[in-house]
Amino acid sequence: MSTNETTTMRAIAQDSYGNAEVLHTAQLPRPKPGADEVLLEVRAAGLDRGTWHLMAGLPYLMRPFTGFRGPRNPVPGLDVAGVVKAVGDQVTGFVAGDEVYGFGKGTFAEYAVAPADQLARKPKNLAFEQAAVVPVSGATALIALAQVADVQPGQQVLVVGASGGVGSYAVQLAKALGAEVTGVCSTGKVDLVRSLGAHRVLDYTRDDWADGSHHYDVVLDIGGRPSVSRLRSALTPDWTAVFVGGEDGDKFSGGMSRGLRGVALSPFVKQQLKMFVAGQKTSDLEQLTRFIEAGQVTPSLDRAYPLDQAPEAMRRLEAGEVRGKIAITV
């Protein structure tokens, strides 16, 4: 193998913040793992709204952490599934050749590094492109339902935004936790949400899920658009609404402002209005693996794009055309 092949790699990169047009193919130095990191030969990466926010640099509140004028890490991508190539000196849980998935750094590339405590062994019944679309969205849905809302068997759960990345997992996980699930989505995605196992599907262009005719123990708001008052009108008197992200709002704080208003109101009402920042832990991935290998959760993979078509995949995400998740294959 030539020196060039061993020290460089093909990757998707960006030099500034913006829309999908800032993404381009580049030849970059291959990363080296730190003492507690793993070097992965990337087989597939997942595309999610978090990756879009990092590409766009929005909301501005995140820029102290990601870079003020442009991204500190020029290679996008968080989700990853691949094969361990090398491990840092302090890593004991993985060896070269292991098939893993989890949270990486700059995963739209042939190689990427990832903290060892943010990886787990790939589910045996998933292909790499399926596994790659699980970590960010799957873990977010799991934490929101099992840890933040503490969903119990027999409860009524409403998932607003049920056809997207997080929503497609939330419907399946809520059902696996024993809840009765109602999913809210657009007309063209009703069949998808029904296929995920939702007991009831509402088309938001025709059905008003907050008209007071039905009340839920837990409302998981992934769409990021309903007002706090509408969310409260759909809840039983003393149960929980969880804000998961949010795509509306100003450029400074984005959808977080609505969630913060709900959290500020929560001490003064019986209903609990919560928001959270999803973690990136091996234990959450291992719990997801158990659901997946038991057949209770299956990634909803819209389509897989080769690495050089990542900008086109991002454009579809920006346009709201994706049903479930998109993978980038390497």
Protein backbone atom coordinates (compact mmCIF):
# COMPACT_ATOMS: atom_id res chain seq x y z
CA MET A 1 0.00 0.00 0.00
CA SER A 2 1.36 3.44 -0.90
CA THR A 3 2.17 6.17 1.62
CA ASN A 4 -0.66 8.28 0.21
CA GLU A 5 -3.15 5.49 0.81
CA THR A 6 -2.08 4.96 4.40
CA THR A 7 -2.06 8.61 5.53
CA THR A 8 -4.97 10.21 3.66
CA MET A 9 -8.63 9.43 3.13
CA ARG A 10 -11.60 10.50 1.06
CA ALA A 11 -14.13 12.57 3.02
CA ILE A 12 -17.00 15.04 2.78
CA ALA A 13 -15.87 18.42 4.09
CA GLN A 14 -17.11 21.98 4.55
CA ASP A 15 -15.10 25.19 4.92
CA SER A 16 -17.95 27.41 6.13
CA TYR A 17 -21.46 27.22 7.55
CA GLY A 18 -24.41 27.07 5.15
CA ASN A 19 -26.79 24.71 3.37
CA ALA A 20 -25.96 21.51 1.50
CA GLU A 21 -24.01 23.48 -1.11
CA VAL A 22 -21.09 23.95 1.34
CA LEU A 23 -20.41 20.19 1.33
CA HIS A 24 -17.75 18.89 -1.05
CA THR A 25 -15.51 15.85 -1.50
CA ALA A 26 -11.94 16.25 -0.23
CA GLN A 27 -8.77 14.27 0.39
CA LEU A 28 -7.82 14.76 4.03
CA PRO A 29 -5.32 13.33 6.54
CA ARG A 30 -6.51 10.15 8.16
CA PRO A 31 -7.27 10.80 11.86
CA LYS A 32 -5.33 9.18 14.69
CA PRO A 33 -7.05 7.86 17.80
CA GLY A 34 -6.33 9.35 21.20
CA ALA A 35 -5.56 7.21 24.24
CA ASP A 36 -9.26 6.52 24.94
CA GLU A 37 -10.43 6.49 21.33
CA VAL A 38 -10.94 3.97 18.55
CA LEU A 39 -10.04 4.41 14.88
CA LEU A 40 -12.83 3.06 12.68
CA GLU A 41 -12.90 2.05 9.07
CA VAL A 42 -16.28 3.59 8.31
CA ARG A 43 -18.75 1.37 6.48
CA ALA A 44 -21.73 3.72 6.87
CA ALA A 45 -22.73 6.95 8.60
CA GLY A 46 -26.15 8.27 9.55
CA LEU A 47 -27.68 11.59 8.52
CA ASP A 48 -29.77 13.38 11.14
CA ARG A 49 -31.01 16.85 12.09
CA GLY A 50 -28.08 17.25 14.47
CA THR A 51 -25.69 16.94 11.53
CA TRP A 52 -27.72 19.57 9.68
CA HIS A 53 -27.46 21.98 12.63
CA LEU A 54 -23.68 21.49 12.76
CA MET A 55 -23.43 22.09 9.00
CA ALA A 56 -25.60 25.22 9.12
CA GLY A 57 -24.11 26.56 12.36
CA LEU A 58 -27.63 27.13 13.72
CA PRO A 59 -28.78 28.14 16.22
CA TYR A 60 -26.01 30.63 17.04
CA LEU A 61 -26.02 29.47 20.68
CA MET A 62 -24.09 26.36 19.62
CA ARG A 63 -21.23 28.23 17.92
CA PRO A 64 -19.07 28.69 21.04
CA PHE A 65 -18.79 24.90 21.02
CA THR A 66 -18.60 24.26 17.26
CA GLY A 67 -16.72 27.32 15.96
CA PHE A 68 -17.72 30.96 15.50
CA ARG A 69 -16.90 31.61 11.83
CA GLY A 70 -16.88 28.02 10.59
CA PRO A 71 -16.86 24.46 11.93
CA ARG A 72 -13.84 23.42 13.99
CA ASN A 73 -14.21 19.94 12.54
CA PRO A 74 -14.51 20.32 8.74
CA VAL A 75 -15.94 16.79 8.32
CA PRO A 76 -19.63 16.37 9.27
CA GLY A 77 -21.21 13.24 10.66
CA LEU A 78 -22.05 11.84 14.11
CA ASP A 79 -23.63 8.40 13.62
CA VAL A 80 -21.25 5.64 12.55
CA ALA A 81 -21.04 1.91 11.93
CA GLY A 82 -17.79 0.28 10.94
CA VAL A 83 -14.87 -1.97 11.73
CA VAL A 84 -12.25 -1.22 14.38
CA LYS A 85 -8.91 -0.47 12.71
CA ALA A 86 -6.84 0.53 15.75
CA VAL A 87 -7.36 1.43 19.42
CA GLY A 88 -5.75 3.91 21.79
CA ASP A 89 -3.44 2.85 24.61
CA GLN A 90 -6.18 3.03 27.27
CA VAL A 91 -8.87 1.16 25.31
CA THR A 92 -9.55 -2.37 26.57
CA GLY A 93 -13.05 -3.19 25.31
CA PHE A 94 -12.36 -3.40 21.57
CA VAL A 95 -9.75 -4.92 19.26
CA ALA A 96 -9.02 -4.55 15.56
CA GLY A 97 -11.67 -6.29 13.46
CA ASP A 98 -14.62 -5.72 15.82
CA GLU A 99 -17.84 -4.58 14.12
CA VAL A 100 -19.23 -1.64 16.09
CA TYR A 101 -21.66 1.27 15.96
CA GLY A 102 -22.10 4.46 17.92
CA PHE A 103 -21.16 8.13 18.06
CA GLY A 104 -18.12 9.30 16.11
CA LYS A 105 -16.38 12.49 15.03
CA GLY A 106 -16.48 13.43 11.35
CA THR A 107 -18.02 10.18 10.14
CA PHE A 108 -18.68 11.25 6.53
CA ALA A 109 -15.28 9.81 5.63
CA GLU A 110 -13.43 6.57 5.00
CA TYR A 111 -12.00 6.68 8.54
CA ALA A 112 -13.17 8.33 11.76
CA VAL A 113 -12.32 8.29 15.45
CA ALA A 114 -14.81 7.69 18.24
CA PRO A 115 -14.55 7.61 22.05
CA ALA A 116 -14.52 4.00 23.19
CA ASP A 117 -17.23 4.73 25.78
CA GLN A 118 -19.57 5.87 22.99
CA LEU A 119 -19.43 2.65 20.97
CA ALA A 120 -21.05 -0.77 21.21
CA ARG A 121 -20.91 -3.96 19.19
CA LYS A 122 -23.13 -3.78 16.11
CA PRO A 123 -26.45 -5.65 16.39
CA LYS A 124 -26.01 -9.02 14.76
CA ASN A 125 -29.19 -8.74 12.70
CA LEU A 126 -28.40 -5.36 11.10
CA ALA A 127 -26.36 -4.44 8.05
CA PHE A 128 -23.87 -1.60 8.50
CA GLU A 129 -26.12 0.96 6.79
CA GLN A 130 -29.00 0.02 9.12
CA ALA A 131 -26.83 0.16 12.24
CA ALA A 132 -25.43 3.55 11.21
CA VAL A 133 -28.82 5.26 11.46
CA VAL A 134 -29.54 4.07 15.01
CA PRO A 135 -27.25 5.86 17.51
CA VAL A 136 -28.26 9.55 17.59
CA SER A 137 -31.97 9.18 16.85
CA GLY A 138 -32.44 5.87 18.64
CA ALA A 139 -30.68 6.98 21.82
CA THR A 140 -32.58 10.29 21.85
CA ALA A 141 -35.92 8.46 21.63
CA LEU A 142 -34.88 5.93 24.26
CA ILE A 143 -33.73 8.54 26.78
CA ALA A 144 -36.82 10.70 26.21
CA LEU A 145 -39.21 7.81 26.79
CA ALA A 146 -37.51 5.54 29.31
CA GLN A 147 -35.53 8.04 31.41
CA VAL A 148 -37.12 11.49 31.08
CA ALA A 149 -40.81 10.52 30.74
CA ASP A 150 -40.48 7.14 32.53
CA VAL A 151 -43.08 5.52 30.27
CA GLN A 152 -44.93 2.63 31.93
CA PRO A 153 -46.97 -0.25 30.46
CA GLY A 154 -50.52 0.73 29.66
CA GLN A 155 -49.87 4.44 29.34
CA GLN A 156 -51.11 6.50 26.40
CA VAL A 157 -48.19 8.05 24.45
CA LEU A 158 -48.53 10.65 21.68
CA VAL A 159 -45.55 11.09 19.32
CA VAL A 160 -45.72 14.37 17.38
CA GLY A 161 -43.37 14.04 14.41
CA ALA A 162 -43.62 10.26 14.27
CA SER A 163 -42.24 9.77 10.75
CA GLY A 164 -38.82 11.37 11.25
CA GLY A 165 -35.56 10.01 12.57
CA VAL A 166 -36.29 10.21 16.31
CA GLY A 167 -40.02 9.69 15.80
CA SER A 168 -39.63 6.42 13.91
CA TYR A 169 -37.74 4.98 16.89
CA ALA A 170 -40.02 6.59 19.47
CA VAL A 171 -43.10 4.85 18.08
CA GLN A 172 -41.42 1.44 18.24
CA LEU A 173 -39.74 1.97 21.61
CA ALA A 174 -42.91 3.28 23.28
CA LYS A 175 -44.75 0.18 22.06
CA ALA A 176 -41.88 -2.05 23.27
CA LEU A 177 -42.18 -0.39 26.69
CA GLY A 178 -45.83 -1.46 26.79
CA ALA A 179 -47.52 1.83 25.93
CA GLU A 180 -50.39 2.44 23.53
CA VAL A 181 -48.96 4.73 20.87
CA THR A 182 -50.55 7.42 18.71
CA GLY A 183 -48.36 8.90 15.98
CA VAL A 184 -48.80 12.29 14.28
CA CYS A 185 -47.42 12.87 10.79
CA SER A 186 -48.21 14.25 7.33
CA THR A 187 -50.52 12.60 4.81
CA GLY A 188 -47.77 11.00 2.74
CA LYS A 189 -46.20 9.30 5.74
CA VAL A 190 -49.27 7.80 7.44
CA ASP A 191 -48.52 4.36 5.98
CA LEU A 192 -44.95 4.48 7.33
CA VAL A 193 -46.03 5.33 10.88
CA ARG A 194 -48.70 2.63 10.78
CA SER A 195 -46.08 0.10 9.65
CA LEU A 196 -43.91 1.05 12.65
CA GLY A 197 -46.62 -0.34 14.92
CA ALA A 198 -48.53 2.76 16.03
CA HIS A 199 -51.93 1.82 17.41
CA ARG A 200 -53.41 5.01 15.97
CA VAL A 201 -52.11 7.44 13.32
CA LEU A 202 -53.25 11.05 12.96
CA ASP A 203 -52.70 13.13 9.82
CA TYR A 204 -51.98 16.63 11.12
CA THR A 205 -53.37 18.20 7.93
CA ARG A 206 -56.81 16.77 8.77
CA ASP A 207 -56.82 15.69 12.43
CA ASP A 208 -56.39 18.01 15.42
CA TRP A 209 -54.59 15.97 18.06
CA ALA A 210 -55.02 18.81 20.60
CA ASP A 211 -58.78 19.35 20.28
CA GLY A 212 -59.39 17.97 23.77
CA SER A 213 -61.17 14.82 22.62
CA HIS A 214 -58.32 12.58 23.72
CA HIS A 215 -55.72 13.00 26.47
CA TYR A 216 -52.33 11.33 26.80
CA ASP A 217 -50.08 10.42 29.70
CA VAL A 218 -46.97 11.35 27.72
CA VAL A 219 -46.56 13.67 24.72
CA LEU A 220 -43.24 13.46 22.91
CA ASP A 221 -42.91 16.61 20.80
CA ILE A 222 -40.33 16.05 18.07
CA GLY A 223 -41.87 18.29 15.42
CA GLY A 224 -40.91 21.41 17.35
CA ARG A 225 -43.88 23.54 16.26
CA PRO A 226 -46.87 23.12 18.63
CA SER A 227 -47.30 25.84 21.23
CA VAL A 228 -46.90 24.98 24.90
CA SER A 229 -50.64 25.51 25.42
CA ARG A 230 -51.50 23.01 22.67
CA LEU A 231 -49.21 20.41 24.20
CA ARG A 232 -50.81 20.91 27.61
CA SER A 233 -54.31 20.56 26.14
CA ALA A 234 -53.40 17.06 24.91
CA LEU A 235 -52.08 15.90 28.29
CA THR A 236 -53.91 14.32 31.20
CA PRO A 237 -53.92 16.68 34.21
CA ASP A 238 -50.72 15.49 35.90
CA TRP A 239 -48.52 13.85 33.27
CA THR A 240 -45.57 14.71 31.04
CA ALA A 241 -44.66 16.47 27.80
CA VAL A 242 -41.06 16.13 26.58
CA PHE A 243 -39.51 18.58 24.11
CA VAL A 244 -37.11 16.85 21.73
CA GLY A 245 -35.26 19.43 19.65
CA GLY A 246 -37.20 22.00 17.68
CA GLU A 247 -36.77 23.42 14.19
CA ASP A 248 -38.69 26.68 14.47
CA GLY A 249 -37.65 29.84 16.27
CA ASP A 250 -35.04 32.52 15.67
CA LYS A 251 -31.47 31.97 14.52
CA PHE A 252 -30.07 32.72 17.97
CA SER A 253 -31.80 30.09 20.09
CA GLY A 254 -33.83 28.13 17.52
CA GLY A 255 -36.56 25.87 18.85
CA MET A 256 -34.96 25.76 22.30
CA SER A 257 -36.78 28.93 23.37
CA ARG A 258 -40.17 27.18 23.29
CA GLY A 259 -38.84 24.31 25.38
CA LEU A 260 -37.31 26.72 27.88
CA ARG A 261 -40.68 28.49 28.23
CA GLY A 262 -42.31 25.14 28.96
CA VAL A 263 -39.70 24.22 31.56
CA ALA A 264 -40.14 27.65 33.24
CA LEU A 265 -43.91 27.07 33.42
CA SER A 266 -43.64 23.50 34.74
CA PRO A 267 -43.24 24.36 38.50
CA PHE A 268 -46.55 26.23 38.43
CA VAL A 269 -48.73 23.50 36.89
CA LYS A 270 -49.42 19.85 37.68
CA GLN A 271 -48.20 18.70 34.29
CA GLN A 272 -44.47 18.18 33.84
CA LEU A 273 -42.91 19.97 30.85
CA LYS A 274 -39.37 18.74 30.26
CA MET A 275 -36.49 19.15 27.84
CA PHE A 276 -33.13 17.39 27.86
CA VAL A 277 -29.81 16.96 26.12
CA ALA A 278 -29.35 13.39 24.91
CA GLY A 279 -26.24 11.60 26.10
CA GLN A 280 -23.91 9.40 24.09
CA LYS A 281 -23.21 6.30 26.15
CA THR A 282 -22.37 2.68 25.46
CA SER A 283 -25.08 1.58 27.91
CA ASP A 284 -27.83 3.26 25.86
CA LEU A 285 -26.52 1.64 22.68
CA GLU A 286 -26.47 -1.76 24.37
CA GLN A 287 -30.08 -1.30 25.48
CA LEU A 288 -31.04 -0.38 21.92
CA THR A 289 -29.21 -3.49 20.68
CA ARG A 290 -31.36 -5.66 22.95
CA PHE A 291 -34.55 -4.17 21.51
CA ILE A 292 -33.21 -4.56 17.95
CA GLU A 293 -32.01 -8.14 18.31
CA ALA A 294 -35.34 -9.05 19.95
CA GLY A 295 -37.15 -7.77 16.85
CA GLN A 296 -38.96 -4.98 18.74
CA VAL A 297 -37.14 -2.13 16.95
CA THR A 298 -36.10 -1.97 13.30
CA PRO A 299 -34.37 1.04 11.72
CA SER A 300 -36.60 2.78 9.18
CA LEU A 301 -34.07 3.29 6.40
CA ASP A 302 -35.38 5.59 3.67
CA ARG A 303 -32.35 5.21 1.41
CA ALA A 304 -28.57 4.80 1.43
CA TYR A 305 -26.41 7.22 -0.57
CA PRO A 306 -22.74 6.73 -1.52
CA LEU A 307 -20.30 9.13 0.13
CA ASP A 308 -19.95 11.50 -2.83
CA GLN A 309 -23.75 11.97 -2.91
CA ALA A 310 -23.93 13.23 0.69
CA PRO A 311 -24.90 16.76 -0.46
CA GLU A 312 -27.93 15.35 -2.31
CA ALA A 313 -28.92 13.37 0.79
CA MET A 314 -28.64 16.54 2.89
CA ARG A 315 -30.83 18.45 0.41
CA ARG A 316 -33.57 15.84 0.83
CA LEU A 317 -33.31 16.17 4.61
CA GLU A 318 -33.55 19.98 4.34
CA ALA A 319 -36.65 19.63 2.14
CA GLY A 320 -38.42 17.35 4.64
CA GLU A 321 -38.66 14.50 2.13
CA VAL A 322 -37.06 11.77 4.27
CA ARG A 323 -39.18 8.94 5.67
CA GLY A 324 -37.29 7.70 8.71
CA LYS A 325 -33.52 7.89 8.24
CA ILE A 326 -30.85 8.20 5.54
CA ALA A 327 -27.48 6.43 5.53
CA ILE A 328 -24.25 7.46 3.84
CA THR A 329 -22.28 4.39 2.74
CA VAL A 330 -18.51 4.29 2.36
